[in-house]
Amino acid sequence: MLYYALIFFIIALIATALGFGALGGMAASIAKFLAIVFIILFVVSLIFGRRARV
C-alpha cells in the first residue's frame, strides 16, 4: 500500500510540474489517503502482533 502512495505522489509531482494542477491535486489527495491508511494498518499490526501467544 505504501508503494501505491509513493506512485500517486510521483504522479502528483509530475502532473503539477506539467501544469495539470487539478490532476496533481487529486493524485496528491489519493497519495495522502493511502499513506494514512498504511500508517493506521501498520500501527494496528504492531499492537496486535505483539500479544503474548499462549
C-alpha atoms as a PDB file:
ATOM      1  CA  MET A   1       0.000   0.000   0.000  1.00  0.00           C
ATOM      2  CA  LEU A   2       2.885   2.331   0.694  1.00  0.00           C
ATOM      3  CA  TYR A   3       4.106   1.552  -2.818  1.00  0.00           C
ATOM      4  CA  TYR A   4       0.863   2.900  -4.298  1.00  0.00           C
ATOM      5  CA  ALA A   5       1.041   6.001  -2.128  1.00  0.00           C
ATOM      6  CA  LEU A   6       4.518   6.721  -3.465  1.00  0.00           C
ATOM      7  CA  ILE A   7       3.384   6.118  -7.047  1.00  0.00           C
ATOM      8  CA  PHE A   8       0.492   8.580  -6.663  1.00  0.00           C
ATOM      9  CA  PHE A   9       2.842  11.087  -5.054  1.00  0.00           C
ATOM     10  CA  ILE A  10       5.197  10.857  -8.030  1.00  0.00           C
ATOM     11  CA  ILE A  11       2.251  11.215 -10.419  1.00  0.00           C
ATOM     12  CA  ALA A  12       1.151  14.311  -8.476  1.00  0.00           C
ATOM     13  CA  LEU A  13       4.617  15.848  -8.754  1.00  0.00           C
ATOM     14  CA  ILE A  14       4.838  15.189 -12.483  1.00  0.00           C
ATOM     15  CA  ALA A  15       1.292  16.405 -13.184  1.00  0.00           C
ATOM     16  CA  THR A  16       1.849  19.585 -11.210  1.00  0.00           C
ATOM     17  CA  ALA A  17       5.158  20.234 -12.954  1.00  0.00           C
ATOM     18  CA  LEU A  18       3.455  19.855 -16.344  1.00  0.00           C
ATOM     19  CA  GLY A  19       0.687  22.279 -15.395  1.00  0.00           C
ATOM     20  CA  PHE A  20      -2.142  19.885 -14.624  1.00  0.00           C
ATOM     21  CA  GLY A  21      -2.948  21.316 -11.206  1.00  0.00           C
ATOM     22  CA  ALA A  22      -6.297  19.583 -10.733  1.00  0.00           C
ATOM     23  CA  LEU A  23      -4.916  16.180 -11.647  1.00  0.00           C
ATOM     24  CA  GLY A  24      -1.891  16.776  -9.425  1.00  0.00           C
ATOM     25  CA  GLY A  25      -4.093  17.772  -6.512  1.00  0.00           C
ATOM     26  CA  MET A  26      -6.288  14.725  -6.943  1.00  0.00           C
ATOM     27  CA  ALA A  27      -3.277  12.394  -7.103  1.00  0.00           C
ATOM     28  CA  ALA A  28      -1.810  14.062  -4.015  1.00  0.00           C
ATOM     29  CA  SER A  29      -5.082  13.529  -2.140  1.00  0.00           C
ATOM     30  CA  ILE A  30      -5.117   9.855  -3.071  1.00  0.00           C
ATOM     31  CA  ALA A  31      -1.483   9.503  -2.016  1.00  0.00           C
ATOM     32  CA  LYS A  32      -2.212  11.175   1.318  1.00  0.00           C
ATOM     33  CA  PHE A  33      -5.198   8.909   1.940  1.00  0.00           C
ATOM     34  CA  LEU A  34      -3.224   5.758   1.106  1.00  0.00           C
ATOM     35  CA  ALA A  35      -0.326   6.850   3.324  1.00  0.00           C
ATOM     36  CA  ILE A  36      -2.687   7.422   6.267  1.00  0.00           C
ATOM     37  CA  VAL A  37      -4.339   4.026   5.750  1.00  0.00           C
ATOM     38  CA  PHE A  38      -0.886   2.421   5.592  1.00  0.00           C
ATOM     39  CA  ILE A  39       0.184   4.059   8.859  1.00  0.00           C
ATOM     40  CA  ILE A  40      -3.030   3.006  10.620  1.00  0.00           C
ATOM     41  CA  LEU A  41      -2.701  -0.596   9.439  1.00  0.00           C
ATOM     42  CA  PHE A  42       0.975  -0.636  10.405  1.00  0.00           C
ATOM     43  CA  VAL A  43       0.242   0.544  13.957  1.00  0.00           C
ATOM     44  CA  VAL A  44      -2.620  -1.941  14.327  1.00  0.00           C
ATOM     45  CA  SER A  45      -0.399  -4.793  13.180  1.00  0.00           C
ATOM     46  CA  LEU A  46       2.297  -3.710  15.634  1.00  0.00           C
ATOM     47  CA  ILE A  47      -0.165  -3.661  18.521  1.00  0.00           C
ATOM     48  CA  PHE A  48      -1.878  -6.950  17.769  1.00  0.00           C
ATOM     49  CA  GLY A  49       1.285  -8.686  16.590  1.00  0.00           C
ATOM     50  CA  ARG A  50       2.989  -8.212  19.961  1.00  0.00           C
ATOM     51  CA  ARG A  51       0.353 -10.011  22.013  1.00  0.00           C
ATOM     52  CA  ALA A  52       1.600 -12.905  24.105  1.00  0.00           C
ATOM     53  CA  ARG A  53       0.841 -16.196  22.458  1.00  0.00           C
ATOM     54  CA  VAL A  54      -0.492 -18.880  24.763  1.00  0.00           C
END
